[in-house]
Amino acid sequence: YTVSLRNDLNSEIELFENLTDTTLVISDLSFGVKYFWQVITNDGINDPVNSTSFSFETQNPPNNRVVFTRLINGNSVIFSSDEDGGTILQLSSSSKNSFRPRRNESTERIAFLQSVGSQTHLFTMDEDGSNVRQVTNQIPVSGFNLEEIDFSWDSNGSKLLFPNQDKLYRINTDGSGIELVYQTMDGSLVSEVVKNSQSGIIALKTNNLEGYDVRIFTINESGVEQTVILEGVNGAAGGLDLSVDNTKLLYTRDVSGFESADYRRLNSRMFMYDFVNSTSVDLSEDKPSGTNDLDPRFSPNDVSVIYVNTSNDGVSQKNIQTLAIDDLSSRERLVADAAMPDWE
């Protein structure tokens, strides 16, 4: 027996051959698609006989607004979930190393990084993991530590900003129109970038080859430095995100000031910088001792943050949590064994 499967989305026909069971389980179907199937019998003597054609429809994709990564067999794999941490869907292949997902509401696309040979490039995909497209080609995404690299959507989802060593580039999502936006004057590396589409302000993090000597600051569209948020401190820092109204910036800093060759952090805490009064508030007042808060992002309404909490031993499980900004004792676990969250 053979089962043929086709759909109303494209001309692809899948054949499941040499079947001996009366049940066939098919995975990786697309959301919101009508499928048609037939059974084909062949006794090796007579002409094959086709059954009547049958059909079924798959459900529409859930409104999963949270994306994150999880390690599977050594690869970082992208998942999505609803805002309660349920209805978890795998979006990227387990056979590829894909990480740092960033949703865009305007385009209903997810941008992410993926390893391609010895390089790392920008890709985009639909919110159900389909229609994957490579964006960068000649100039890869690169820096001192790829797990600490971040990029940003730009121009309401039509462009992306990404770092390459000491430079910041802008590129159209179809891979065209790449342009240099900013280059450091001292050779320090651009590691993180975030831009709110509502303004021309771009926040950057730069550091040395070991990830230290961090500067967090803003530039305008012309690459001119505007406001310095953090500089002249020891230890690791990063995790940038701008509020919707561009009045606040999230970042993390290891207040222990510890520096090591393996980039270990001992007491990484979340801070929220206010551009109006030039002050930073510590959001990690209730953080358990011996743990790090990492990769904070504002919730869509800016009243809470989503972030990663993990032991400072550098090898323990990472968990995604949420915290209400007006109640710093409100820590709640959202997704276990997960990292690099985004909530849009």
Protein backbone atom coordinates (compact mmCIF):
# COMPACT_ATOMS: atom_id res chain seq x y z
CA TYR A 1 0.00 0.00 0.00
CA THR A 2 1.04 3.59 -0.71
CA VAL A 3 -0.58 6.78 0.57
CA SER A 4 -0.30 9.96 -1.49
CA LEU A 5 -0.73 13.34 0.21
CA ARG A 6 -1.16 16.73 -1.47
CA ASN A 7 -2.54 20.10 -0.42
CA ASP A 8 -4.19 23.27 -1.69
CA LEU A 9 -1.14 25.40 -0.81
CA ASN A 10 1.35 24.17 -3.42
CA SER A 11 1.95 21.42 -5.96
CA GLU A 12 3.95 19.20 -3.60
CA ILE A 13 2.92 15.52 -3.46
CA GLU A 14 4.24 13.25 -0.70
CA LEU A 15 4.26 9.46 -1.09
CA PHE A 16 4.37 7.09 1.88
CA GLU A 17 5.29 3.75 0.37
CA ASN A 18 5.46 0.07 1.33
CA LEU A 19 2.94 0.44 4.14
CA THR A 20 1.85 -2.67 6.00
CA ASP A 21 -0.13 -1.08 8.85
CA THR A 22 -3.67 0.31 8.68
CA THR A 23 -2.60 3.47 10.55
CA LEU A 24 -0.27 6.15 9.16
CA VAL A 25 0.99 8.98 11.39
CA ILE A 26 2.21 12.10 9.54
CA SER A 27 3.97 14.97 11.32
CA ASP A 28 5.07 18.49 10.37
CA LEU A 29 1.82 19.44 8.63
CA SER A 30 1.22 23.13 7.98
CA PHE A 31 -1.42 25.12 9.82
CA GLY A 32 -4.55 26.29 8.03
CA VAL A 33 -4.16 24.01 5.00
CA LYS A 34 -6.54 21.56 3.30
CA TYR A 35 -4.96 18.16 2.55
CA PHE A 36 -6.11 15.47 0.09
CA TRP A 37 -5.10 11.82 0.38
CA GLN A 38 -5.55 8.53 -1.47
CA VAL A 39 -4.55 4.92 -0.87
CA ILE A 40 -2.84 3.17 -3.79
CA THR A 41 -2.75 -0.63 -3.83
CA ASN A 42 -0.32 -2.69 -5.86
CA ASP A 43 0.05 -6.49 -5.83
CA GLY A 44 3.01 -6.42 -8.23
CA ILE A 45 1.00 -8.17 -10.92
CA ASN A 46 -1.99 -6.01 -11.83
CA ASP A 47 -2.11 -2.25 -12.45
CA PRO A 48 -2.17 -0.12 -9.26
CA VAL A 49 -5.64 0.81 -8.01
CA ASN A 50 -6.43 4.20 -6.43
CA SER A 51 -9.00 4.64 -3.68
CA THR A 52 -11.47 7.49 -3.50
CA SER A 53 -9.83 10.82 -2.64
CA PHE A 54 -10.36 11.98 0.96
CA SER A 55 -9.56 15.31 2.60
CA PHE A 56 -9.04 17.03 5.93
CA GLU A 57 -8.09 20.53 7.12
CA THR A 58 -5.53 21.49 9.74
CA GLN A 59 -6.36 24.06 12.40
CA ASN A 60 -5.26 27.68 12.16
CA PRO A 61 -2.02 28.52 13.99
CA PRO A 62 -2.43 29.56 17.64
CA ASN A 63 -1.68 33.16 18.64
CA ASN A 64 1.67 32.35 20.26
CA ARG A 65 3.25 35.69 21.19
CA VAL A 66 6.27 34.32 23.06
CA VAL A 67 9.24 32.79 21.23
CA PHE A 68 12.30 31.19 22.79
CA THR A 69 15.00 28.57 22.25
CA ARG A 70 15.69 25.16 23.73
CA LEU A 71 18.68 22.83 23.26
CA ILE A 72 17.96 19.56 21.43
CA ASN A 73 20.84 17.19 20.70
CA GLY A 74 23.36 20.03 20.85
CA ASN A 75 21.41 22.39 18.59
CA SER A 76 19.49 25.48 19.64
CA VAL A 77 15.91 25.10 18.38
CA ILE A 78 13.22 27.81 18.23
CA PHE A 79 9.81 27.34 19.85
CA SER A 80 6.76 29.50 20.49
CA SER A 81 4.19 29.49 23.28
CA ASP A 82 1.17 31.43 24.42
CA GLU A 83 1.43 33.99 27.21
CA ASP A 84 0.72 31.34 29.85
CA GLY A 85 3.61 29.14 28.75
CA GLY A 86 1.30 26.56 27.18
CA THR A 87 0.59 25.44 23.58
CA ILE A 88 4.31 25.08 22.85
CA LEU A 89 5.17 24.61 19.17
CA GLN A 90 8.52 23.78 17.59
CA LEU A 91 9.27 26.23 14.77
CA SER A 92 12.78 25.40 13.56
CA SER A 93 14.44 22.12 12.61
CA SER A 94 16.20 20.10 15.31
CA SER A 95 18.98 19.39 12.82
CA LYS A 96 20.01 23.06 12.55
CA ASN A 97 21.38 25.52 15.11
CA SER A 98 18.85 28.38 15.15
CA PHE A 99 18.74 30.99 17.90
CA ARG A 100 17.89 34.54 19.09
CA PRO A 101 14.31 34.71 17.66
CA ARG A 102 12.72 38.16 17.31
CA ARG A 103 9.04 38.53 16.38
CA ASN A 104 7.64 41.40 14.34
CA GLU A 105 3.93 42.12 14.69
CA SER A 106 3.71 44.24 11.52
CA THR A 107 4.97 41.54 9.17
CA GLU A 108 3.92 38.49 11.23
CA ARG A 109 7.44 37.16 10.69
CA ILE A 110 10.15 35.94 13.03
CA ALA A 111 13.78 36.87 12.41
CA PHE A 112 16.50 34.65 13.86
CA LEU A 113 20.14 33.63 13.61
CA GLN A 114 21.23 30.32 12.14
CA SER A 115 24.59 28.61 11.72
CA VAL A 116 25.58 28.15 8.08
CA GLY A 117 28.87 26.26 7.92
CA SER A 118 31.39 28.28 9.90
CA GLN A 119 29.31 31.48 9.70
CA THR A 120 26.11 32.81 11.27
CA HIS A 121 23.45 34.49 9.15
CA LEU A 122 20.11 36.22 9.55
CA PHE A 123 16.96 34.37 8.50
CA THR A 124 13.23 35.06 8.66
CA MET A 125 10.25 32.71 8.80
CA ASP A 126 6.49 32.82 9.21
CA GLU A 127 5.11 32.50 12.72
CA ASP A 128 4.37 28.81 12.20
CA GLY A 129 7.96 28.10 11.14
CA SER A 130 7.25 27.93 7.40
CA ASN A 131 8.54 30.02 4.50
CA VAL A 132 12.13 30.27 5.77
CA ARG A 133 14.31 32.81 3.95
CA GLN A 134 17.99 33.65 4.35
CA VAL A 135 18.59 37.41 4.59
CA THR A 136 22.36 37.94 4.90
CA ASN A 137 24.88 36.30 2.61
CA GLN A 138 28.14 38.12 1.91
CA ILE A 139 28.40 39.78 5.33
CA PRO A 140 27.61 37.42 8.23
CA VAL A 141 26.56 38.25 11.76
CA SER A 142 29.66 38.06 13.94
CA GLY A 143 31.18 39.19 17.21
CA PHE A 144 33.05 38.04 20.30
CA ASN A 145 30.44 35.45 21.39
CA LEU A 146 27.54 34.45 19.16
CA GLU A 147 25.35 33.59 22.16
CA GLU A 148 25.67 37.24 23.25
CA ILE A 149 24.97 38.73 19.80
CA ASP A 150 21.64 40.44 19.15
CA PHE A 151 20.03 42.24 16.21
CA SER A 152 16.87 44.30 15.71
CA TRP A 153 13.97 44.81 13.36
CA ASP A 154 13.90 48.22 11.65
CA SER A 155 11.57 50.31 9.46
CA ASN A 156 8.36 48.55 10.60
CA GLY A 157 9.71 45.15 9.63
CA SER A 158 11.06 45.92 6.18
CA LYS A 159 14.71 46.04 7.34
CA LEU A 160 17.00 44.51 9.94
CA LEU A 161 19.95 45.92 11.89
CA PHE A 162 22.80 43.53 12.71
CA PRO A 163 26.41 43.65 13.97
CA ASN A 164 29.55 42.44 12.26
CA GLN A 165 32.62 42.93 14.47
CA ASP A 166 33.10 46.73 14.88
CA LYS A 167 30.33 47.64 12.43
CA LEU A 168 26.55 47.93 12.46
CA TYR A 169 24.71 47.22 9.21
CA ARG A 170 21.17 47.68 7.92
CA ILE A 171 19.70 45.32 5.31
CA ASN A 172 16.34 44.81 3.60
CA THR A 173 14.60 41.59 4.59
CA ASP A 174 14.90 40.33 1.00
CA GLY A 175 18.69 40.55 1.32
CA SER A 176 19.14 43.68 -0.79
CA GLY A 177 20.26 47.20 0.06
CA ILE A 178 22.88 46.51 2.72
CA GLU A 179 24.40 49.68 4.18
CA LEU A 180 26.83 50.63 6.94
CA VAL A 181 25.09 52.49 9.78
CA TYR A 182 27.81 52.82 12.42
CA GLN A 183 31.42 51.84 13.11
CA THR A 184 33.26 52.13 16.42
CA MET A 185 36.24 54.48 16.50
CA ASP A 186 38.38 52.41 18.89
CA GLY A 187 37.96 48.97 17.31
CA SER A 188 35.57 47.73 20.00
CA LEU A 189 32.96 45.23 18.85
CA VAL A 190 29.26 45.92 18.36
CA SER A 191 27.47 43.06 20.15
CA GLU A 192 23.86 44.17 20.60
CA VAL A 193 21.46 46.54 18.91
CA VAL A 194 17.82 47.42 19.53
CA LYS A 195 15.62 49.97 17.81
CA ASN A 196 12.05 50.96 18.46
CA SER A 197 10.24 51.50 15.16
CA GLN A 198 8.46 54.51 16.63
CA SER A 199 11.64 56.65 16.64
CA GLY A 200 15.07 56.99 15.12
CA ILE A 201 16.88 56.13 18.36
CA ILE A 202 19.15 53.06 18.26
CA ALA A 203 20.62 51.55 21.44
CA LEU A 204 23.94 49.73 21.18
CA LYS A 205 26.22 47.65 23.35
CA THR A 206 29.93 47.49 22.51
CA ASN A 207 32.71 45.55 24.23
CA ASN A 208 36.29 44.34 23.79
CA LEU A 209 37.38 40.98 22.40
CA GLU A 210 36.77 39.28 25.77
CA GLY A 211 33.27 40.75 26.13
CA TYR A 212 34.22 43.33 28.76
CA ASP A 213 34.92 47.08 28.85
CA VAL A 214 31.23 47.46 28.01
CA ARG A 215 29.58 50.63 26.76
CA ILE A 216 25.79 50.96 26.41
CA PHE A 217 24.68 54.07 24.55
CA THR A 218 22.30 55.41 21.93
CA ILE A 219 22.92 56.80 18.45
CA ASN A 220 20.64 58.51 15.92
CA GLU A 221 19.96 57.39 12.35
CA SER A 222 23.14 59.16 11.21
CA GLY A 223 25.30 57.20 13.66
CA VAL A 224 25.91 60.14 15.99
CA GLU A 225 26.20 59.22 19.67
CA GLN A 226 23.40 60.62 21.83
CA THR A 227 23.17 59.26 25.39
CA VAL A 228 25.60 57.09 27.36
CA ILE A 229 23.78 54.72 29.73
CA LEU A 230 26.69 52.61 31.02
CA GLU A 231 30.48 52.69 30.76
CA GLY A 232 33.59 52.37 32.88
CA VAL A 233 32.44 49.34 34.91
CA ASN A 234 33.94 45.88 35.29
CA GLY A 235 32.08 42.69 34.40
CA ALA A 236 29.58 41.62 31.78
CA ALA A 237 26.55 43.65 30.70
CA GLY A 238 23.96 43.61 27.92
CA GLY A 239 20.44 42.38 27.22
CA LEU A 240 19.08 45.58 25.66
CA ASP A 241 15.44 46.41 25.01
CA LEU A 242 13.60 49.72 24.55
CA SER A 243 10.12 50.49 25.89
CA VAL A 244 7.34 51.30 23.43
CA ASP A 245 7.55 55.04 24.15
CA ASN A 246 11.38 55.05 24.08
CA THR A 247 11.60 56.52 27.59
CA LYS A 248 13.19 53.44 29.19
CA LEU A 249 15.90 50.92 28.37
CA LEU A 250 16.32 47.46 29.88
CA TYR A 251 19.80 46.03 30.38
CA THR A 252 21.65 43.58 32.62
CA ARG A 253 24.92 44.01 34.51
CA ASP A 254 27.00 41.64 36.62
CA VAL A 255 27.35 43.85 39.70
CA SER A 256 30.07 41.56 41.09
CA GLY A 257 32.42 42.97 38.46
CA PHE A 258 33.80 39.46 37.90
CA GLU A 259 35.73 38.83 34.67
CA SER A 260 37.00 35.51 33.36
CA ALA A 261 38.06 33.81 30.14
CA ASP A 262 34.83 31.76 30.04
CA TYR A 263 32.64 34.89 30.43
CA ARG A 264 31.05 33.58 33.63
CA ARG A 265 28.70 35.94 35.49
CA LEU A 266 28.24 35.75 39.25
CA ASN A 267 25.48 38.27 40.00
CA SER A 268 23.83 39.51 36.82
CA ARG A 269 20.88 41.79 37.62
CA MET A 270 18.27 43.56 35.49
CA PHE A 271 18.16 47.36 35.38
CA MET A 272 15.72 49.80 33.81
CA TYR A 273 17.21 53.11 32.71
CA ASP A 274 14.94 56.17 32.54
CA PHE A 275 15.96 58.62 29.79
CA VAL A 276 13.89 61.41 31.37
CA ASN A 277 15.68 61.54 34.73
CA SER A 278 18.89 59.66 33.74
CA THR A 279 18.58 57.07 36.52
CA SER A 280 18.60 53.27 36.63
CA VAL A 281 16.34 51.09 38.80
CA ASP A 282 17.38 47.61 39.92
CA LEU A 283 14.58 45.17 38.97
CA SER A 284 16.32 42.14 40.49
CA GLU A 285 15.69 42.94 44.15
CA ASP A 286 14.04 39.55 44.72
CA LYS A 287 16.50 37.49 42.66
CA PRO A 288 17.57 34.27 44.43
CA SER A 289 21.19 34.30 45.61
CA GLY A 290 23.63 32.49 43.34
CA THR A 291 21.55 33.08 40.20
CA ASN A 292 21.73 35.37 37.18
CA ASP A 293 18.97 37.35 35.48
CA LEU A 294 19.66 37.55 31.73
CA ASP A 295 18.11 38.61 28.39
CA PRO A 296 15.25 40.84 29.67
CA ARG A 297 12.54 42.05 27.27
CA PHE A 298 9.57 44.32 27.89
CA SER A 299 6.11 42.78 27.66
CA PRO A 300 3.95 44.19 24.84
CA ASN A 301 2.26 46.61 27.25
CA ASP A 302 5.50 47.53 29.09
CA VAL A 303 4.08 46.64 32.53
CA SER A 304 6.25 43.56 33.01
CA VAL A 305 9.44 41.95 31.74
CA ILE A 306 10.27 38.49 30.47
CA TYR A 307 13.78 37.18 31.18
CA VAL A 308 15.97 34.15 31.87
CA ASN A 309 16.97 33.09 35.39
CA THR A 310 19.64 30.46 35.92
CA SER A 311 22.32 29.41 38.37
CA ASN A 312 25.57 31.35 38.09
CA ASP A 313 27.49 28.07 37.65
CA GLY A 314 27.06 28.51 33.89
CA VAL A 315 25.87 24.95 33.24
CA SER A 316 22.52 24.58 35.01
CA GLN A 317 19.10 24.66 33.36
CA LYS A 318 17.80 28.02 32.19
CA ASN A 319 14.19 29.00 32.85
CA ILE A 320 12.10 31.83 31.43
CA GLN A 321 10.30 33.94 34.02
CA THR A 322 8.13 37.06 34.11
CA LEU A 323 8.18 39.95 36.55
CA ALA A 324 5.73 42.84 37.06
CA ILE A 325 7.68 46.11 37.08
CA ASP A 326 5.51 47.55 39.86
CA ASP A 327 5.88 44.41 42.02
CA LEU A 328 9.47 43.19 42.12
CA SER A 329 8.51 40.17 44.23
CA SER A 330 6.15 38.81 41.54
CA ARG A 331 8.57 36.43 39.82
CA GLU A 332 6.77 33.59 38.02
CA ARG A 333 8.14 30.79 35.87
CA LEU A 334 6.70 30.83 32.36
CA VAL A 335 8.68 28.13 30.50
CA ALA A 336 11.20 25.68 31.95
CA ASP A 337 14.38 24.67 30.14
CA ALA A 338 14.29 27.64 27.78
CA ALA A 339 16.36 30.70 26.83
CA MET A 340 16.51 33.80 24.59
CA PRO A 341 12.87 34.88 25.05
CA ASP A 342 10.97 37.49 23.06
CA TRP A 343 7.42 38.67 23.77
CA GLU A 344 5.70 40.87 21.21
